[in-house]
């Protein structure tokens, strides 16, 4: 019975490494997406004309 169990631990370790690797790749993708969104927001903020009213603020008419 011990001989059959010898390969199971190695297989479990490989599966754990695979799952961990997928998680790290997912977090890396989210980080890249967040950096791109931040860059795009900075660019669009700089390109807005100076005379255009800021639509993100609350209206003073209320």
C-alpha atoms as a PDB file:
ATOM      1  CA  UNK A   1       0.000   0.000   0.000  1.00  0.00           C
ATOM      2  CA  UNK A   2       2.881   2.363   0.706  1.00  0.00           C
ATOM      3  CA  UNK A   3       4.213   2.015  -2.832  1.00  0.00           C
ATOM      4  CA  UNK A   4       0.899   3.232  -4.305  1.00  0.00           C
ATOM      5  CA  UNK A   5       0.913   6.297  -2.039  1.00  0.00           C
ATOM      6  CA  UNK A   6       4.407   7.443  -3.034  1.00  0.00           C
ATOM      7  CA  UNK A   7       3.297   9.200  -6.230  1.00  0.00           C
ATOM      8  CA  UNK A   8       0.152  10.745  -4.773  1.00  0.00           C
ATOM      9  CA  UNK A   9       2.004  13.365  -2.738  1.00  0.00           C
ATOM     10  CA  UNK A  10       3.975  14.514  -5.777  1.00  0.00           C
ATOM     11  CA  UNK A  11       0.771  14.794  -7.804  1.00  0.00           C
ATOM     12  CA  UNK A  12      -0.891  16.824  -5.040  1.00  0.00           C
ATOM     13  CA  UNK A  13       2.103  19.168  -4.929  1.00  0.00           C
ATOM     14  CA  UNK A  14       2.022  19.666  -8.708  1.00  0.00           C
ATOM     15  CA  UNK A  15      -1.701  20.434  -8.650  1.00  0.00           C
ATOM     16  CA  UNK A  16      -1.198  22.923  -5.798  1.00  0.00           C
ATOM     17  CA  UNK A  17       1.587  24.646  -7.759  1.00  0.00           C
ATOM     18  CA  UNK A  18      -0.665  24.802 -10.829  1.00  0.00           C
ATOM     19  CA  UNK A  19      -3.526  26.387  -8.872  1.00  0.00           C
ATOM     20  CA  UNK A  20      -1.162  28.879  -7.223  1.00  0.00           C
ATOM     21  CA  UNK A  21       0.340  29.783 -10.614  1.00  0.00           C
ATOM     22  CA  UNK A  22      -3.079  30.452 -12.106  1.00  0.00           C
ATOM     23  CA  UNK A  23      -3.915  32.721  -9.177  1.00  0.00           C
ATOM     24  CA  UNK A  24      -0.686  34.682  -9.581  1.00  0.00           C
ATOM     25  CA  UNK A  25      -1.303  35.074 -13.320  1.00  0.00           C
ATOM     26  CA  UNK A  26      -4.834  36.308 -12.624  1.00  0.00           C
ATOM     27  CA  UNK A  27      -3.613  38.894 -10.134  1.00  0.00           C
ATOM     28  CA  UNK A  28      -0.968  40.023 -12.620  1.00  0.00           C
ATOM     29  CA  UNK A  29      -3.639  40.500 -15.277  1.00  0.00           C
ATOM     30  CA  UNK A  30      -5.779  42.554 -12.910  1.00  0.00           C
ATOM     31  CA  UNK A  31      -2.784  44.706 -12.025  1.00  0.00           C
ATOM     32  CA  UNK A  32      -2.014  45.366 -15.696  1.00  0.00           C
ATOM     33  CA  UNK A  33      -5.648  46.277 -16.330  1.00  0.00           C
ATOM     34  CA  UNK A  34      -5.686  48.695 -13.392  1.00  0.00           C
ATOM     35  CA  UNK A  35      -2.489  50.388 -14.575  1.00  0.00           C
ATOM     36  CA  UNK A  36      -3.926  50.805 -18.082  1.00  0.00           C
ATOM     37  CA  UNK A  37      -7.180  52.260 -16.718  1.00  0.00           C
ATOM     38  CA  UNK A  38      -5.264  54.728 -14.556  1.00  0.00           C
ATOM     39  CA  UNK A  39      -3.138  55.798 -17.509  1.00  0.00           C
ATOM     40  CA  UNK A  40      -6.222  56.302 -19.692  1.00  0.00           C
ATOM     41  CA  UNK A  41      -7.930  58.340 -16.969  1.00  0.00           C
ATOM     42  CA  UNK A  42      -4.899  60.605 -16.611  1.00  0.00           C
ATOM     43  CA  UNK A  43      -4.708  61.137 -20.380  1.00  0.00           C
ATOM     44  CA  UNK A  44      -8.414  61.936 -20.729  1.00  0.00           C
ATOM     45  CA  UNK A  45      -8.223  64.333 -17.773  1.00  0.00           C
ATOM     46  CA  UNK A  46      -5.346  66.229 -19.383  1.00  0.00           C
ATOM     47  CA  UNK A  47      -7.065  66.386 -22.779  1.00  0.00           C
ATOM     48  CA  UNK A  48     -10.306  67.920 -21.486  1.00  0.00           C
ATOM     49  CA  UNK A  49     -10.625  71.531 -22.675  1.00  0.00           C
ATOM     50  CA  UNK A  50     -10.099  74.141 -19.963  1.00  0.00           C
ATOM     51  CA  UNK A  51     -13.383  75.918 -20.704  1.00  0.00           C
ATOM     52  CA  UNK A  52     -15.507  72.780 -20.478  1.00  0.00           C
ATOM     53  CA  UNK A  53     -17.503  72.602 -17.237  1.00  0.00           C
ATOM     54  CA  UNK A  54     -16.634  69.824 -14.855  1.00  0.00           C
ATOM     55  CA  UNK A  55     -19.565  67.395 -15.140  1.00  0.00           C
ATOM     56  CA  UNK A  56     -18.339  65.203 -12.299  1.00  0.00           C
ATOM     57  CA  UNK A  57     -19.198  67.824  -9.678  1.00  0.00           C
ATOM     58  CA  UNK A  58     -22.654  68.195  -8.189  1.00  0.00           C
ATOM     59  CA  UNK A  59     -25.013  70.774  -9.668  1.00  0.00           C
ATOM     60  CA  UNK A  60     -25.318  74.049  -7.739  1.00  0.00           C
ATOM     61  CA  UNK A  61     -28.918  74.554  -8.959  1.00  0.00           C
ATOM     62  CA  UNK A  62     -30.457  72.409  -6.230  1.00  0.00           C
END
